[in-house]
Amino acid sequence: MDNVETLREKIDQIDSEILTLFAKRFSLVAQIGVYKKAQNMPIINTDREKRKIEALAKKGNTQGISKNFIENIWQTIFAESYRLEQ
């Protein structure tokens, strides 16, 4: 078994990867915002948001991640996405 320091280093690496993925995601979100503006589309899509959260909650449940956590984190991600799309 790894010691605490080794485990924390692994967590730090994963955290760094998560940030990189957020940056990639938000770059795509900004592109979607440009498209939505050009097409005069609404920024907020609550139906997609609900479907996405439900699907992720199901997937998270199979991996031992609580529905409440999934809902909270994705609501925050969507809020930032909507901000970036404007």
PDB file of N, CA and C in Angstrom:
ATOM      1  N   MET A   1       0.839  -1.188   0.000  1.00  0.00           N
ATOM      2  CA  MET A   1       0.000   0.000   0.000  1.00  0.00           C
ATOM      3  C   MET A   1       0.881   1.248   0.000  1.00  0.00           C
ATOM      4  N   ASP A   2       0.454   2.242  -0.776  1.00  0.00           N
ATOM      5  CA  ASP A   2       1.194   3.504  -0.846  1.00  0.00           C
ATOM      6  C   ASP A   2       1.061   4.273   0.459  1.00  0.00           C
ATOM      7  N   ASN A   3       2.070   5.096   0.744  1.00  0.00           N
ATOM      8  CA  ASN A   3       1.966   5.949   1.923  1.00  0.00           C
ATOM      9  C   ASN A   3       1.118   7.185   1.586  1.00  0.00           C
ATOM     10  N   VAL A   4       0.779   7.942   2.588  1.00  0.00           N
ATOM     11  CA  VAL A   4      -0.113   9.097   2.421  1.00  0.00           C
ATOM     12  C   VAL A   4       0.463  10.096   1.429  1.00  0.00           C
ATOM     13  N   GLU A   5       1.738  10.356   1.503  1.00  0.00           N
ATOM     14  CA  GLU A   5       2.355  11.341   0.599  1.00  0.00           C
ATOM     15  C   GLU A   5       2.247  10.893  -0.861  1.00  0.00           C
ATOM     16  N   THR A   6       2.481   9.622  -1.113  1.00  0.00           N
ATOM     17  CA  THR A   6       2.363   9.099  -2.472  1.00  0.00           C
ATOM     18  C   THR A   6       0.924   9.199  -2.970  1.00  0.00           C
ATOM     19  N   LEU A   7      -0.025   8.869  -2.107  1.00  0.00           N
ATOM     20  CA  LEU A   7      -1.439   8.976  -2.469  1.00  0.00           C
ATOM     21  C   LEU A   7      -1.822  10.426  -2.761  1.00  0.00           C
ATOM     22  N   ARG A   8      -1.318  11.343  -1.952  1.00  0.00           N
ATOM     23  CA  ARG A   8      -1.610  12.767  -2.183  1.00  0.00           C
ATOM     24  C   ARG A   8      -1.009  13.261  -3.492  1.00  0.00           C
ATOM     25  N   GLU A   9       0.163  12.768  -3.836  1.00  0.00           N
ATOM     26  CA  GLU A   9       0.768  13.136  -5.122  1.00  0.00           C
ATOM     27  C   GLU A   9      -0.100  12.647  -6.281  1.00  0.00           C
ATOM     28  N   LYS A  10      -0.649  11.461  -6.143  1.00  0.00           N
ATOM     29  CA  LYS A  10      -1.549  10.936  -7.171  1.00  0.00           C
ATOM     30  C   LYS A  10      -2.811  11.792  -7.272  1.00  0.00           C
ATOM     31  N   ILE A  11      -3.349  12.193  -6.126  1.00  0.00           N
ATOM     32  CA  ILE A  11      -4.522  13.076  -6.112  1.00  0.00           C
ATOM     33  C   ILE A  11      -4.188  14.409  -6.757  1.00  0.00           C
ATOM     34  N   ASP A  12      -3.027  14.970  -6.446  1.00  0.00           N
ATOM     35  CA  ASP A  12      -2.612  16.236  -7.056  1.00  0.00           C
ATOM     36  C   ASP A  12      -2.530  16.124  -8.570  1.00  0.00           C
ATOM     37  N   GLN A  13      -2.037  15.005  -9.067  1.00  0.00           N
ATOM     38  CA  GLN A  13      -1.952  14.781 -10.516  1.00  0.00           C
ATOM     39  C   GLN A  13      -3.348  14.729 -11.133  1.00  0.00           C
ATOM     40  N   ILE A  14      -4.252  14.020 -10.468  1.00  0.00           N
ATOM     41  CA  ILE A  14      -5.634  13.948 -10.960  1.00  0.00           C
ATOM     42  C   ILE A  14      -6.275  15.328 -10.943  1.00  0.00           C
ATOM     43  N   ASP A  15      -6.048  16.099  -9.870  1.00  0.00           N
ATOM     44  CA  ASP A  15      -6.592  17.460  -9.798  1.00  0.00           C
ATOM     45  C   ASP A  15      -6.099  18.314 -10.964  1.00  0.00           C
ATOM     46  N   SER A  16      -4.848  18.167 -11.303  1.00  0.00           N
ATOM     47  CA  SER A  16      -4.280  18.903 -12.431  1.00  0.00           C
ATOM     48  C   SER A  16      -4.952  18.483 -13.739  1.00  0.00           C
ATOM     49  N   GLU A  17      -5.180  17.198 -13.893  1.00  0.00           N
ATOM     50  CA  GLU A  17      -5.869  16.700 -15.093  1.00  0.00           C
ATOM     51  C   GLU A  17      -7.301  17.223 -15.166  1.00  0.00           C
ATOM     52  N   ILE A  18      -7.977  17.280 -14.022  1.00  0.00           N
ATOM     53  CA  ILE A  18      -9.344  17.811 -13.979  1.00  0.00           C
ATOM     54  C   ILE A  18      -9.354  19.266 -14.437  1.00  0.00           C
ATOM     55  N   LEU A  19      -8.404  20.056 -13.963  1.00  0.00           N
ATOM     56  CA  LEU A  19      -8.339  21.465 -14.382  1.00  0.00           C
ATOM     57  C   LEU A  19      -8.106  21.594 -15.883  1.00  0.00           C
ATOM     58  N   THR A  20      -7.243  20.755 -16.416  1.00  0.00           N
ATOM     59  CA  THR A  20      -6.996  20.764 -17.861  1.00  0.00           C
ATOM     60  C   THR A  20      -8.273  20.434 -18.627  1.00  0.00           C
ATOM     61  N   LEU A  21      -9.016  19.457 -18.138  1.00  0.00           N
ATOM     62  CA  LEU A  21     -10.278  19.093 -18.784  1.00  0.00           C
ATOM     63  C   LEU A  21     -11.313  20.213 -18.674  1.00  0.00           C
ATOM     64  N   PHE A  22     -11.368  20.883 -17.518  1.00  0.00           N
ATOM     65  CA  PHE A  22     -12.268  22.037 -17.381  1.00  0.00           C
ATOM     66  C   PHE A  22     -11.907  23.119 -18.396  1.00  0.00           C
ATOM     67  N   ALA A  23     -10.625  23.389 -18.557  1.00  0.00           N
ATOM     68  CA  ALA A  23     -10.196  24.408 -19.515  1.00  0.00           C
ATOM     69  C   ALA A  23     -10.637  24.031 -20.930  1.00  0.00           C
ATOM     70  N   LYS A  24     -10.482  22.767 -21.296  1.00  0.00           N
ATOM     71  CA  LYS A  24     -10.914  22.305 -22.620  1.00  0.00           C
ATOM     72  C   LYS A  24     -12.425  22.427 -22.760  1.00  0.00           C
ATOM     73  N   ARG A  25     -13.155  22.035 -21.718  1.00  0.00           N
ATOM     74  CA  ARG A  25     -14.609  22.096 -21.752  1.00  0.00           C
ATOM     75  C   ARG A  25     -15.072  23.541 -21.912  1.00  0.00           C
ATOM     76  N   PHE A  26     -14.484  24.445 -21.128  1.00  0.00           N
ATOM     77  CA  PHE A  26     -14.922  25.838 -21.163  1.00  0.00           C
ATOM     78  C   PHE A  26     -14.531  26.519 -22.473  1.00  0.00           C
ATOM     79  N   SER A  27     -13.467  26.067 -23.109  1.00  0.00           N
ATOM     80  CA  SER A  27     -13.119  26.582 -24.428  1.00  0.00           C
ATOM     81  C   SER A  27     -14.220  26.218 -25.436  1.00  0.00           C
ATOM     82  N   LEU A  28     -14.701  24.989 -25.363  1.00  0.00           N
ATOM     83  CA  LEU A  28     -15.796  24.561 -26.232  1.00  0.00           C
ATOM     84  C   LEU A  28     -17.086  25.319 -25.909  1.00  0.00           C
ATOM     85  N   VAL A  29     -17.326  25.538 -24.628  1.00  0.00           N
ATOM     86  CA  VAL A  29     -18.502  26.291 -24.190  1.00  0.00           C
ATOM     87  C   VAL A  29     -18.481  27.698 -24.795  1.00  0.00           C
ATOM     88  N   ALA A  30     -17.330  28.336 -24.776  1.00  0.00           N
ATOM     89  CA  ALA A  30     -17.217  29.680 -25.352  1.00  0.00           C
ATOM     90  C   ALA A  30     -17.552  29.651 -26.840  1.00  0.00           C
ATOM     91  N   GLN A  31     -17.110  28.618 -27.540  1.00  0.00           N
ATOM     92  CA  GLN A  31     -17.430  28.482 -28.963  1.00  0.00           C
ATOM     93  C   GLN A  31     -18.940  28.298 -29.166  1.00  0.00           C
ATOM     94  N   ILE A  32     -19.554  27.521 -28.286  1.00  0.00           N
ATOM     95  CA  ILE A  32     -21.008  27.347 -28.359  1.00  0.00           C
ATOM     96  C   ILE A  32     -21.706  28.677 -28.122  1.00  0.00           C
ATOM     97  N   GLY A  33     -21.180  29.479 -27.194  1.00  0.00           N
ATOM     98  CA  GLY A  33     -21.756  30.802 -26.935  1.00  0.00           C
ATOM     99  C   GLY A  33     -21.738  31.680 -28.169  1.00  0.00           C
ATOM    100  N   VAL A  34     -20.643  31.662 -28.905  1.00  0.00           N
ATOM    101  CA  VAL A  34     -20.538  32.439 -30.144  1.00  0.00           C
ATOM    102  C   VAL A  34     -21.589  31.956 -31.143  1.00  0.00           C
ATOM    103  N   TYR A  35     -21.710  30.641 -31.264  1.00  0.00           N
ATOM    104  CA  TYR A  35     -22.695  30.081 -32.188  1.00  0.00           C
ATOM    105  C   TYR A  35     -24.117  30.482 -31.786  1.00  0.00           C
ATOM    106  N   LYS A  36     -24.426  30.340 -30.495  1.00  0.00           N
ATOM    107  CA  LYS A  36     -25.767  30.680 -30.018  1.00  0.00           C
ATOM    108  C   LYS A  36     -26.096  32.145 -30.279  1.00  0.00           C
ATOM    109  N   LYS A  37     -25.127  33.020 -30.057  1.00  0.00           N
ATOM    110  CA  LYS A  37     -25.354  34.447 -30.326  1.00  0.00           C
ATOM    111  C   LYS A  37     -25.627  34.672 -31.812  1.00  0.00           C
ATOM    112  N   ALA A  38     -24.835  34.045 -32.657  1.00  0.00           N
ATOM    113  CA  ALA A  38     -24.992  34.218 -34.109  1.00  0.00           C
ATOM    114  C   ALA A  38     -26.337  33.684 -34.588  1.00  0.00           C
ATOM    115  N   GLN A  39     -26.829  32.645 -33.936  1.00  0.00           N
ATOM    116  CA  GLN A  39     -28.100  32.028 -34.324  1.00  0.00           C
ATOM    117  C   GLN A  39     -29.275  32.557 -33.500  1.00  0.00           C
ATOM    118  N   ASN A  40     -28.991  33.541 -32.641  1.00  0.00           N
ATOM    119  CA  ASN A  40     -30.022  34.122 -31.769  1.00  0.00           C
ATOM    120  C   ASN A  40     -30.719  33.039 -30.934  1.00  0.00           C
ATOM    121  N   MET A  41     -29.921  32.151 -30.373  1.00  0.00           N
ATOM    122  CA  MET A  41     -30.439  31.062 -29.535  1.00  0.00           C
ATOM    123  C   MET A  41     -30.311  31.441 -28.066  1.00  0.00           C
ATOM    124  N   PRO A  42     -31.190  30.927 -27.222  1.00  0.00           N
ATOM    125  CA  PRO A  42     -31.067  31.211 -25.786  1.00  0.00           C
ATOM    126  C   PRO A  42     -29.818  30.556 -25.207  1.00  0.00           C
ATOM    127  N   ILE A  43     -29.235  31.193 -24.223  1.00  0.00           N
ATOM    128  CA  ILE A  43     -28.039  30.657 -23.569  1.00  0.00           C
ATOM    129  C   ILE A  43     -28.399  29.453 -22.703  1.00  0.00           C
ATOM    130  N   ILE A  44     -29.437  29.585 -21.909  1.00  0.00           N
ATOM    131  CA  ILE A  44     -29.788  28.544 -20.950  1.00  0.00           C
ATOM    132  C   ILE A  44     -30.719  27.525 -21.597  1.00  0.00           C
ATOM    133  N   ASN A  45     -30.375  26.239 -21.397  1.00  0.00           N
ATOM    134  CA  ASN A  45     -31.168  25.133 -21.919  1.00  0.00           C
ATOM    135  C   ASN A  45     -31.442  24.180 -20.754  1.00  0.00           C
ATOM    136  N   THR A  46     -32.500  24.472 -20.004  1.00  0.00           N
ATOM    137  CA  THR A  46     -32.771  23.694 -18.793  1.00  0.00           C
ATOM    138  C   THR A  46     -33.103  22.234 -19.097  1.00  0.00           C
ATOM    139  N   ASP A  47     -33.720  21.955 -20.241  1.00  0.00           N
ATOM    140  CA  ASP A  47     -34.020  20.560 -20.585  1.00  0.00           C
ATOM    141  C   ASP A  47     -32.738  19.754 -20.752  1.00  0.00           C
ATOM    142  N   ARG A  48     -31.771  20.306 -21.487  1.00  0.00           N
ATOM    143  CA  ARG A  48     -30.489  19.607 -21.659  1.00  0.00           C
ATOM    144  C   ARG A  48     -29.789  19.463 -20.318  1.00  0.00           C
ATOM    145  N   GLU A  49     -29.819  20.511 -19.512  1.00  0.00           N
ATOM    146  CA  GLU A  49     -29.177  20.468 -18.201  1.00  0.00           C
ATOM    147  C   GLU A  49     -29.757  19.328 -17.356  1.00  0.00           C
ATOM    148  N   LYS A  50     -31.070  19.226 -17.305  1.00  0.00           N
ATOM    149  CA  LYS A  50     -31.716  18.159 -16.520  1.00  0.00           C
ATOM    150  C   LYS A  50     -31.358  16.777 -17.051  1.00  0.00           C
ATOM    151  N   ARG A  51     -31.419  16.608 -18.372  1.00  0.00           N
ATOM    152  CA  ARG A  51     -31.068  15.312 -18.964  1.00  0.00           C
ATOM    153  C   ARG A  51     -29.615  14.940 -18.669  1.00  0.00           C
ATOM    154  N   LYS A  52     -28.736  15.918 -18.792  1.00  0.00           N
ATOM    155  CA  LYS A  52     -27.305  15.682 -18.559  1.00  0.00           C
ATOM    156  C   LYS A  52     -27.050  15.274 -17.105  1.00  0.00           C
ATOM    157  N   ILE A  53     -27.655  16.001 -16.171  1.00  0.00           N
ATOM    158  CA  ILE A  53     -27.458  15.697 -14.754  1.00  0.00           C
ATOM    159  C   ILE A  53     -28.025  14.315 -14.427  1.00  0.00           C
ATOM    160  N   GLU A  54     -29.186  13.992 -14.958  1.00  0.00           N
ATOM    161  CA  GLU A  54     -29.774  12.667 -14.707  1.00  0.00           C
ATOM    162  C   GLU A  54     -28.873  11.557 -15.234  1.00  0.00           C
ATOM    163  N   ALA A  55     -28.362  11.723 -16.445  1.00  0.00           N
ATOM    164  CA  ALA A  55     -27.482  10.707 -17.029  1.00  0.00           C
ATOM    165  C   ALA A  55     -26.194  10.569 -16.222  1.00  0.00           C
ATOM    166  N   LEU A  56     -25.638  11.691 -15.822  1.00  0.00           N
ATOM    167  CA  LEU A  56     -24.400  11.642 -15.043  1.00  0.00           C
ATOM    168  C   LEU A  56     -24.633  11.067 -13.652  1.00  0.00           C
ATOM    169  N   ALA A  57     -25.787  11.348 -13.066  1.00  0.00           N
ATOM    170  CA  ALA A  57     -26.108  10.792 -11.747  1.00  0.00           C
ATOM    171  C   ALA A  57     -26.219   9.272 -11.828  1.00  0.00           C
ATOM    172  N   LYS A  58     -26.821   8.761 -12.902  1.00  0.00           N
ATOM    173  CA  LYS A  58     -26.901   7.311 -13.089  1.00  0.00           C
ATOM    174  C   LYS A  58     -25.513   6.707 -13.225  1.00  0.00           C
ATOM    175  N   LYS A  59     -24.694   7.323 -14.059  1.00  0.00           N
ATOM    176  CA  LYS A  59     -23.330   6.818 -14.260  1.00  0.00           C
ATOM    177  C   LYS A  59     -22.526   6.920 -12.961  1.00  0.00           C
ATOM    178  N   GLY A  60     -22.657   8.053 -12.278  1.00  0.00           N
ATOM    179  CA  GLY A  60     -21.949   8.233 -11.016  1.00  0.00           C
ATOM    180  C   GLY A  60     -22.347   7.213  -9.978  1.00  0.00           C
ATOM    181  N   ASN A  61     -23.634   6.866  -9.952  1.00  0.00           N
ATOM    182  CA  ASN A  61     -24.126   5.882  -8.994  1.00  0.00           C
ATOM    183  C   ASN A  61     -23.431   4.539  -9.177  1.00  0.00           C
ATOM    184  N   THR A  62     -23.155   4.171 -10.430  1.00  0.00           N
ATOM    185  CA  THR A  62     -22.472   2.900 -10.691  1.00  0.00           C
ATOM    186  C   THR A  62     -21.010   2.945 -10.240  1.00  0.00           C
ATOM    187  N   GLN A  63     -20.508   4.157 -10.003  1.00  0.00           N
ATOM    188  CA  GLN A  63     -19.112   4.319  -9.585  1.00  0.00           C
ATOM    189  C   GLN A  63     -19.002   4.756  -8.121  1.00  0.00           C
ATOM    190  N   GLY A  64     -20.122   4.700  -7.408  1.00  0.00           N
ATOM    191  CA  GLY A  64     -20.107   5.028  -5.979  1.00  0.00           C
ATOM    192  C   GLY A  64     -20.110   6.520  -5.689  1.00  0.00           C
ATOM    193  N   ILE A  65     -20.548   7.328  -6.638  1.00  0.00           N
ATOM    194  CA  ILE A  65     -20.601   8.779  -6.448  1.00  0.00           C
ATOM    195  C   ILE A  65     -22.056   9.165  -6.216  1.00  0.00           C
ATOM    196  N   SER A  66     -22.313   9.916  -5.159  1.00  0.00           N
ATOM    197  CA  SER A  66     -23.688  10.233  -4.789  1.00  0.00           C
ATOM    198  C   SER A  66     -24.359  11.158  -5.796  1.00  0.00           C
ATOM    199  N   LYS A  67     -25.669  10.972  -5.931  1.00  0.00           N
ATOM    200  CA  LYS A  67     -26.461  11.809  -6.823  1.00  0.00           C
ATOM    201  C   LYS A  67     -26.376  13.270  -6.388  1.00  0.00           C
ATOM    202  N   ASN A  68     -26.407  13.509  -5.085  1.00  0.00           N
ATOM    203  CA  ASN A  68     -26.333  14.868  -4.565  1.00  0.00           C
ATOM    204  C   ASN A  68     -25.034  15.558  -4.988  1.00  0.00           C
ATOM    205  N   PHE A  69     -23.923  14.849  -4.909  1.00  0.00           N
ATOM    206  CA  PHE A  69     -22.639  15.405  -5.329  1.00  0.00           C
ATOM    207  C   PHE A  69     -22.670  15.738  -6.819  1.00  0.00           C
ATOM    208  N   ILE A  70     -23.159  14.797  -7.623  1.00  0.00           N
ATOM    209  CA  ILE A  70     -23.238  15.014  -9.075  1.00  0.00           C
ATOM    210  C   ILE A  70     -24.084  16.248  -9.377  1.00  0.00           C
ATOM    211  N   GLU A  71     -25.242  16.343  -8.754  1.00  0.00           N
ATOM    212  CA  GLU A  71     -26.118  17.487  -8.990  1.00  0.00           C
ATOM    213  C   GLU A  71     -25.432  18.793  -8.619  1.00  0.00           C
ATOM    214  N   ASN A  72     -24.804  18.828  -7.460  1.00  0.00           N
ATOM    215  CA  ASN A  72     -24.142  20.056  -7.004  1.00  0.00           C
ATOM    216  C   ASN A  72     -22.998  20.471  -7.913  1.00  0.00           C
ATOM    217  N   ILE A  73     -22.138  19.538  -8.248  1.00  0.00           N
ATOM    218  CA  ILE A  73     -20.971  19.889  -9.058  1.00  0.00           C
ATOM    219  C   ILE A  73     -21.391  20.298 -10.462  1.00  0.00           C
ATOM    220  N   TRP A  74     -22.358  19.603 -11.047  1.00  0.00           N
ATOM    221  CA  TRP A  74     -22.770  19.942 -12.408  1.00  0.00           C
ATOM    222  C   TRP A  74     -23.596  21.213 -12.474  1.00  0.00           C
ATOM    223  N   GLN A  75     -24.340  21.516 -11.438  1.00  0.00           N
ATOM    224  CA  GLN A  75     -25.038  22.804 -11.421  1.00  0.00           C
ATOM    225  C   GLN A  75     -24.020  23.946 -11.410  1.00  0.00           C
ATOM    226  N   THR A  76     -22.930  23.754 -10.691  1.00  0.00           N
ATOM    227  CA  THR A  76     -21.860  24.754 -10.671  1.00  0.00           C
ATOM    228  C   THR A  76     -21.190  24.849 -12.043  1.00  0.00           C
ATOM    229  N   ILE A  77     -20.944  23.721 -12.666  1.00  0.00           N
ATOM    230  CA  ILE A  77     -20.326  23.708 -13.992  1.00  0.00           C
ATOM    231  C   ILE A  77     -21.246  24.382 -15.011  1.00  0.00           C
ATOM    232  N   PHE A  78     -22.529  24.081 -14.959  1.00  0.00           N
ATOM    233  CA  PHE A  78     -23.468  24.722 -15.880  1.00  0.00           C
ATOM    234  C   PHE A  78     -23.538  26.228 -15.642  1.00  0.00           C
ATOM    235  N   ALA A  79     -23.529  26.652 -14.385  1.00  0.00           N
ATOM    236  CA  ALA A  79     -23.570  28.086 -14.090  1.00  0.00           C
ATOM    237  C   ALA A  79     -22.367  28.796 -14.701  1.00  0.00           C
ATOM    238  N   GLU A  80     -21.197  28.203 -14.571  1.00  0.00           N
ATOM    239  CA  GLU A  80     -19.993  28.801 -15.169  1.00  0.00           C
ATOM    240  C   GLU A  80     -20.079  28.757 -16.687  1.00  0.00           C
ATOM    241  N   SER A  81     -20.611  27.693 -17.226  1.00  0.00           N
ATOM    242  CA  SER A  81     -20.761  27.578 -18.675  1.00  0.00           C
ATOM    243  C   SER A  81     -21.682  28.666 -19.218  1.00  0.00           C
ATOM    244  N   TYR A  82     -22.801  28.891 -18.546  1.00  0.00           N
ATOM    245  CA  TYR A  82     -23.734  29.926 -18.985  1.00  0.00           C
ATOM    246  C   TYR A  82     -23.071  31.310 -18.913  1.00  0.00           C
ATOM    247  N   ARG A  83     -22.282  31.503 -17.874  1.00  0.00           N
ATOM    248  CA  ARG A  83     -21.563  32.784 -17.742  1.00  0.00           C
ATOM    249  C   ARG A  83     -20.613  32.992 -18.925  1.00  0.00           C
ATOM    250  N   LEU A  84     -19.919  31.934 -19.300  1.00  0.00           N
ATOM    251  CA  LEU A  84     -18.953  32.016 -20.398  1.00  0.00           C
ATOM    252  C   LEU A  84     -19.627  32.152 -21.749  1.00  0.00           C
ATOM    253  N   GLU A  85     -20.835  31.638 -21.883  1.00  0.00           N
ATOM    254  CA  GLU A  85     -21.541  31.734 -23.160  1.00  0.00           C
ATOM    255  C   GLU A  85     -22.076  33.134 -23.427  1.00  0.00           C
ATOM    256  N   GLN A  86     -22.221  33.933 -22.401  1.00  0.00           N
ATOM    257  CA  GLN A  86     -22.820  35.270 -22.591  1.00  0.00           C
ATOM    258  C   GLN A  86     -21.847  36.259 -23.183  1.00  0.00           C
TER     259      GLN A  86
END
